[in-house]
Amino acid sequence: MSEHCAGHEGRDLGVTEIVCPNCGADLELFSDEKRVKCHVCGTWVNKDGTKYDGTGD
């Protein structure tokens, strides 16, 4: 049995910890992600910790 998630092989991703600006939950963002959805309140949060407004890439 593999010790890693499927698709992990060949990827060396760093993790950034950010805080949801809406509810204050701690979030983890992989280095290849631009934004992440908060698991508590559902807010999309950018890599810089700001709330995603739905515009841009």
PDB file of N, CA and C in Angstrom:
ATOM      1  N   MET A   1       0.830  -1.184   0.000  1.00  0.00           N
ATOM      2  CA  MET A   1       0.000   0.000   0.000  1.00  0.00           C
ATOM      3  C   MET A   1       0.876   1.249   0.000  1.00  0.00           C
ATOM      4  N   SER A   2       0.492   2.231  -0.803  1.00  0.00           N
ATOM      5  CA  SER A   2       1.271   3.453  -0.932  1.00  0.00           C
ATOM      6  C   SER A   2       1.115   4.342   0.303  1.00  0.00           C
ATOM      7  N   GLU A   3       2.200   5.053   0.645  1.00  0.00           N
ATOM      8  CA  GLU A   3       2.150   5.970   1.777  1.00  0.00           C
ATOM      9  C   GLU A   3       1.781   7.384   1.347  1.00  0.00           C
ATOM     10  N   HIS A   4       1.634   7.618   0.035  1.00  0.00           N
ATOM     11  CA  HIS A   4       1.339   8.946  -0.486  1.00  0.00           C
ATOM     12  C   HIS A   4      -0.011   8.954  -1.187  1.00  0.00           C
ATOM     13  N   CYS A   5      -0.548  10.141  -1.370  1.00  0.00           N
ATOM     14  CA  CYS A   5      -1.794  10.299  -2.116  1.00  0.00           C
ATOM     15  C   CYS A   5      -1.554   9.958  -3.575  1.00  0.00           C
ATOM     16  N   ALA A   6      -2.609   9.506  -4.248  1.00  0.00           N
ATOM     17  CA  ALA A   6      -2.509   9.225  -5.682  1.00  0.00           C
ATOM     18  C   ALA A   6      -2.098  10.490  -6.417  1.00  0.00           C
ATOM     19  N   GLY A   7      -1.195  10.366  -7.381  1.00  0.00           N
ATOM     20  CA  GLY A   7      -0.727  11.503  -8.157  1.00  0.00           C
ATOM     21  C   GLY A   7       0.415  12.259  -7.518  1.00  0.00           C
ATOM     22  N   HIS A   8       0.867  11.850  -6.347  1.00  0.00           N
ATOM     23  CA  HIS A   8       1.943  12.542  -5.640  1.00  0.00           C
ATOM     24  C   HIS A   8       3.309  12.304  -6.272  1.00  0.00           C
ATOM     25  N   GLU A   9       3.496  11.151  -6.906  1.00  0.00           N
ATOM     26  CA  GLU A   9       4.801  10.796  -7.446  1.00  0.00           C
ATOM     27  C   GLU A   9       5.289  11.855  -8.426  1.00  0.00           C
ATOM     28  N   GLY A  10       6.550  12.239  -8.312  1.00  0.00           N
ATOM     29  CA  GLY A  10       7.165  13.194  -9.216  1.00  0.00           C
ATOM     30  C   GLY A  10       6.810  14.645  -8.934  1.00  0.00           C
ATOM     31  N   ARG A  11       6.094  14.902  -7.863  1.00  0.00           N
ATOM     32  CA  ARG A  11       5.716  16.271  -7.527  1.00  0.00           C
ATOM     33  C   ARG A  11       6.344  16.651  -6.195  1.00  0.00           C
ATOM     34  N   ASP A  12       7.016  17.788  -6.184  1.00  0.00           N
ATOM     35  CA  ASP A  12       7.628  18.287  -4.959  1.00  0.00           C
ATOM     36  C   ASP A  12       6.946  19.607  -4.619  1.00  0.00           C
ATOM     37  N   LEU A  13       5.831  19.529  -3.903  1.00  0.00           N
ATOM     38  CA  LEU A  13       5.022  20.707  -3.633  1.00  0.00           C
ATOM     39  C   LEU A  13       5.223  21.209  -2.217  1.00  0.00           C
ATOM     40  N   GLY A  14       5.429  22.508  -2.117  1.00  0.00           N
ATOM     41  CA  GLY A  14       5.486  23.129  -0.808  1.00  0.00           C
ATOM     42  C   GLY A  14       4.082  23.468  -0.352  1.00  0.00           C
ATOM     43  N   VAL A  15       3.931  23.691   0.922  1.00  0.00           N
ATOM     44  CA  VAL A  15       2.628  24.034   1.486  1.00  0.00           C
ATOM     45  C   VAL A  15       2.737  25.379   2.196  1.00  0.00           C
ATOM     46  N   THR A  16       1.777  26.266   1.905  1.00  0.00           N
ATOM     47  CA  THR A  16       1.690  27.560   2.568  1.00  0.00           C
ATOM     48  C   THR A  16       0.474  27.544   3.478  1.00  0.00           C
ATOM     49  N   GLU A  17       0.649  28.002   4.688  1.00  0.00           N
ATOM     50  CA  GLU A  17      -0.472  28.089   5.611  1.00  0.00           C
ATOM     51  C   GLU A  17      -1.009  29.510   5.578  1.00  0.00           C
ATOM     52  N   ILE A  18      -2.323  29.631   5.361  1.00  0.00           N
ATOM     53  CA  ILE A  18      -2.980  30.931   5.345  1.00  0.00           C
ATOM     54  C   ILE A  18      -4.211  30.865   6.243  1.00  0.00           C
ATOM     55  N   VAL A  19      -4.790  32.019   6.516  1.00  0.00           N
ATOM     56  CA  VAL A  19      -5.975  32.104   7.363  1.00  0.00           C
ATOM     57  C   VAL A  19      -7.129  32.640   6.529  1.00  0.00           C
ATOM     58  N   CYS A  20      -8.280  32.034   6.647  1.00  0.00           N
ATOM     59  CA  CYS A  20      -9.466  32.494   5.937  1.00  0.00           C
ATOM     60  C   CYS A  20      -9.840  33.885   6.454  1.00  0.00           C
ATOM     61  N   PRO A  21      -9.953  34.874   5.535  1.00  0.00           N
ATOM     62  CA  PRO A  21     -10.295  36.227   5.976  1.00  0.00           C
ATOM     63  C   PRO A  21     -11.758  36.353   6.424  1.00  0.00           C
ATOM     64  N   ASN A  22     -12.571  35.366   6.126  1.00  0.00           N
ATOM     65  CA  ASN A  22     -13.988  35.413   6.476  1.00  0.00           C
ATOM     66  C   ASN A  22     -14.262  34.829   7.863  1.00  0.00           C
ATOM     67  N   CYS A  23     -13.679  33.666   8.171  1.00  0.00           N
ATOM     68  CA  CYS A  23     -14.001  33.001   9.444  1.00  0.00           C
ATOM     69  C   CYS A  23     -12.791  32.736  10.334  1.00  0.00           C
ATOM     70  N   GLY A  24     -11.577  32.937   9.810  1.00  0.00           N
ATOM     71  CA  GLY A  24     -10.373  32.753  10.620  1.00  0.00           C
ATOM     72  C   GLY A  24      -9.835  31.330  10.667  1.00  0.00           C
ATOM     73  N   ALA A  25     -10.411  30.419   9.871  1.00  0.00           N
ATOM     74  CA  ALA A  25      -9.941  29.028   9.856  1.00  0.00           C
ATOM     75  C   ALA A  25      -8.542  28.941   9.247  1.00  0.00           C
ATOM     76  N   ASP A  26      -7.735  28.024   9.753  1.00  0.00           N
ATOM     77  CA  ASP A  26      -6.414  27.757   9.186  1.00  0.00           C
ATOM     78  C   ASP A  26      -6.572  26.918   7.924  1.00  0.00           C
ATOM     79  N   LEU A  27      -5.896  27.327   6.839  1.00  0.00           N
ATOM     80  CA  LEU A  27      -5.974  26.636   5.562  1.00  0.00           C
ATOM     81  C   LEU A  27      -4.586  26.300   5.073  1.00  0.00           C
ATOM     82  N   GLU A  28      -4.475  25.245   4.257  1.00  0.00           N
ATOM     83  CA  GLU A  28      -3.217  24.874   3.616  1.00  0.00           C
ATOM     84  C   GLU A  28      -3.381  25.001   2.118  1.00  0.00           C
ATOM     85  N   LEU A  29      -2.379  25.592   1.468  1.00  0.00           N
ATOM     86  CA  LEU A  29      -2.407  25.816   0.037  1.00  0.00           C
ATOM     87  C   LEU A  29      -1.129  25.239  -0.548  1.00  0.00           C
ATOM     88  N   PHE A  30      -1.259  24.322  -1.504  1.00  0.00           N
ATOM     89  CA  PHE A  30      -0.082  23.749  -2.156  1.00  0.00           C
ATOM     90  C   PHE A  30       0.517  24.764  -3.122  1.00  0.00           C
ATOM     91  N   SER A  31       1.816  24.668  -3.375  1.00  0.00           N
ATOM     92  CA  SER A  31       2.526  25.655  -4.179  1.00  0.00           C
ATOM     93  C   SER A  31       2.011  25.757  -5.608  1.00  0.00           C
ATOM     94  N   ASP A  32       1.314  24.748  -6.115  1.00  0.00           N
ATOM     95  CA  ASP A  32       0.787  24.822  -7.480  1.00  0.00           C
ATOM     96  C   ASP A  32      -0.660  25.332  -7.526  1.00  0.00           C
ATOM     97  N   GLU A  33      -1.203  25.760  -6.384  1.00  0.00           N
ATOM     98  CA  GLU A  33      -2.573  26.264  -6.329  1.00  0.00           C
ATOM     99  C   GLU A  33      -2.575  27.789  -6.226  1.00  0.00           C
ATOM    100  N   LYS A  34      -3.565  28.416  -6.853  1.00  0.00           N
ATOM    101  CA  LYS A  34      -3.718  29.869  -6.777  1.00  0.00           C
ATOM    102  C   LYS A  34      -4.655  30.277  -5.658  1.00  0.00           C
ATOM    103  N   ARG A  35      -5.597  29.388  -5.328  1.00  0.00           N
ATOM    104  CA  ARG A  35      -6.568  29.672  -4.282  1.00  0.00           C
ATOM    105  C   ARG A  35      -7.090  28.364  -3.718  1.00  0.00           C
ATOM    106  N   VAL A  36      -7.737  28.461  -2.576  1.00  0.00           N
ATOM    107  CA  VAL A  36      -8.291  27.286  -1.917  1.00  0.00           C
ATOM    108  C   VAL A  36      -9.646  27.658  -1.316  1.00  0.00           C
ATOM    109  N   LYS A  37     -10.536  26.680  -1.239  1.00  0.00           N
ATOM    110  CA  LYS A  37     -11.858  26.902  -0.650  1.00  0.00           C
ATOM    111  C   LYS A  37     -11.800  26.542   0.835  1.00  0.00           C
ATOM    112  N   CYS A  38     -12.254  27.451   1.677  1.00  0.00           N
ATOM    113  CA  CYS A  38     -12.264  27.219   3.118  1.00  0.00           C
ATOM    114  C   CYS A  38     -13.192  26.058   3.453  1.00  0.00           C
ATOM    115  N   HIS A  39     -12.689  25.122   4.233  1.00  0.00           N
ATOM    116  CA  HIS A  39     -13.453  23.938   4.616  1.00  0.00           C
ATOM    117  C   HIS A  39     -14.493  24.236   5.688  1.00  0.00           C
ATOM    118  N   VAL A  40     -14.433  25.426   6.285  1.00  0.00           N
ATOM    119  CA  VAL A  40     -15.383  25.793   7.330  1.00  0.00           C
ATOM    120  C   VAL A  40     -16.551  26.611   6.767  1.00  0.00           C
ATOM    121  N   CYS A  41     -16.241  27.698   6.047  1.00  0.00           N
ATOM    122  CA  CYS A  41     -17.300  28.613   5.603  1.00  0.00           C
ATOM    123  C   CYS A  41     -17.541  28.613   4.099  1.00  0.00           C
ATOM    124  N   GLY A  42     -16.631  27.979   3.325  1.00  0.00           N
ATOM    125  CA  GLY A  42     -16.817  27.896   1.879  1.00  0.00           C
ATOM    126  C   GLY A  42     -16.264  29.065   1.085  1.00  0.00           C
ATOM    127  N   THR A  43     -15.636  30.026   1.741  1.00  0.00           N
ATOM    128  CA  THR A  43     -15.053  31.178   1.055  1.00  0.00           C
ATOM    129  C   THR A  43     -13.824  30.752   0.267  1.00  0.00           C
ATOM    130  N   TRP A  44     -13.704  31.250  -0.985  1.00  0.00           N
ATOM    131  CA  TRP A  44     -12.494  31.020  -1.769  1.00  0.00           C
ATOM    132  C   TRP A  44     -11.454  32.051  -1.354  1.00  0.00           C
ATOM    133  N   VAL A  45     -10.227  31.583  -1.043  1.00  0.00           N
ATOM    134  CA  VAL A  45      -9.168  32.438  -0.530  1.00  0.00           C
ATOM    135  C   VAL A  45      -7.952  32.349  -1.444  1.00  0.00           C
ATOM    136  N   ASN A  46      -7.422  33.522  -1.843  1.00  0.00           N
ATOM    137  CA  ASN A  46      -6.232  33.598  -2.684  1.00  0.00           C
ATOM    138  C   ASN A  46      -4.980  33.218  -1.907  1.00  0.00           C
ATOM    139  N   LYS A  47      -3.921  32.958  -2.649  1.00  0.00           N
ATOM    140  CA  LYS A  47      -2.633  32.576  -2.059  1.00  0.00           C
ATOM    141  C   LYS A  47      -2.115  33.616  -1.068  1.00  0.00           C
ATOM    142  N   ASP A  48      -2.439  34.899  -1.315  1.00  0.00           N
ATOM    143  CA  ASP A  48      -1.961  35.960  -0.421  1.00  0.00           C
ATOM    144  C   ASP A  48      -2.861  36.159   0.800  1.00  0.00           C
ATOM    145  N   GLY A  49      -3.889  35.308   0.948  1.00  0.00           N
ATOM    146  CA  GLY A  49      -4.760  35.366   2.114  1.00  0.00           C
ATOM    147  C   GLY A  49      -5.947  36.291   1.959  1.00  0.00           C
ATOM    148  N   THR A  50      -6.135  36.868   0.760  1.00  0.00           N
ATOM    149  CA  THR A  50      -7.278  37.734   0.520  1.00  0.00           C
ATOM    150  C   THR A  50      -8.441  36.925  -0.040  1.00  0.00           C
ATOM    151  N   LYS A  51      -9.644  37.445   0.149  1.00  0.00           N
ATOM    152  CA  LYS A  51     -10.847  36.791  -0.347  1.00  0.00           C
ATOM    153  C   LYS A  51     -10.893  36.882  -1.869  1.00  0.00           C
ATOM    154  N   TYR A  52     -11.110  35.761  -2.536  1.00  0.00           N
ATOM    155  CA  TYR A  52     -11.202  35.729  -3.993  1.00  0.00           C
ATOM    156  C   TYR A  52     -12.504  36.379  -4.413  1.00  0.00           C
ATOM    157  N   ASP A  53     -12.413  37.362  -5.348  1.00  0.00           N
ATOM    158  CA  ASP A  53     -13.610  38.095  -5.764  1.00  0.00           C
ATOM    159  C   ASP A  53     -14.227  37.565  -7.053  1.00  0.00           C
ATOM    160  N   GLY A  54     -13.669  36.480  -7.595  1.00  0.00           N
ATOM    161  CA  GLY A  54     -14.234  35.882  -8.800  1.00  0.00           C
ATOM    162  C   GLY A  54     -13.700  36.429 -10.102  1.00  0.00           C
ATOM    163  N   THR A  55     -12.789  37.381 -10.034  1.00  0.00           N
ATOM    164  CA  THR A  55     -12.215  37.940 -11.253  1.00  0.00           C
ATOM    165  C   THR A  55     -10.774  37.493 -11.414  1.00  0.00           C
ATOM    166  N   GLY A  56     -10.278  37.593 -12.634  1.00  0.00           N
ATOM    167  CA  GLY A  56      -8.887  37.226 -12.890  1.00  0.00           C
ATOM    168  C   GLY A  56      -8.716  35.730 -12.994  1.00  0.00           C
ATOM    169  N   ASP A  57      -7.459  35.317 -13.054  1.00  0.00           N
ATOM    170  CA  ASP A  57      -7.139  33.898 -13.216  1.00  0.00           C
ATOM    171  C   ASP A  57      -6.809  33.260 -11.901  1.00  0.00           C
TER     172      ASP A  57
END
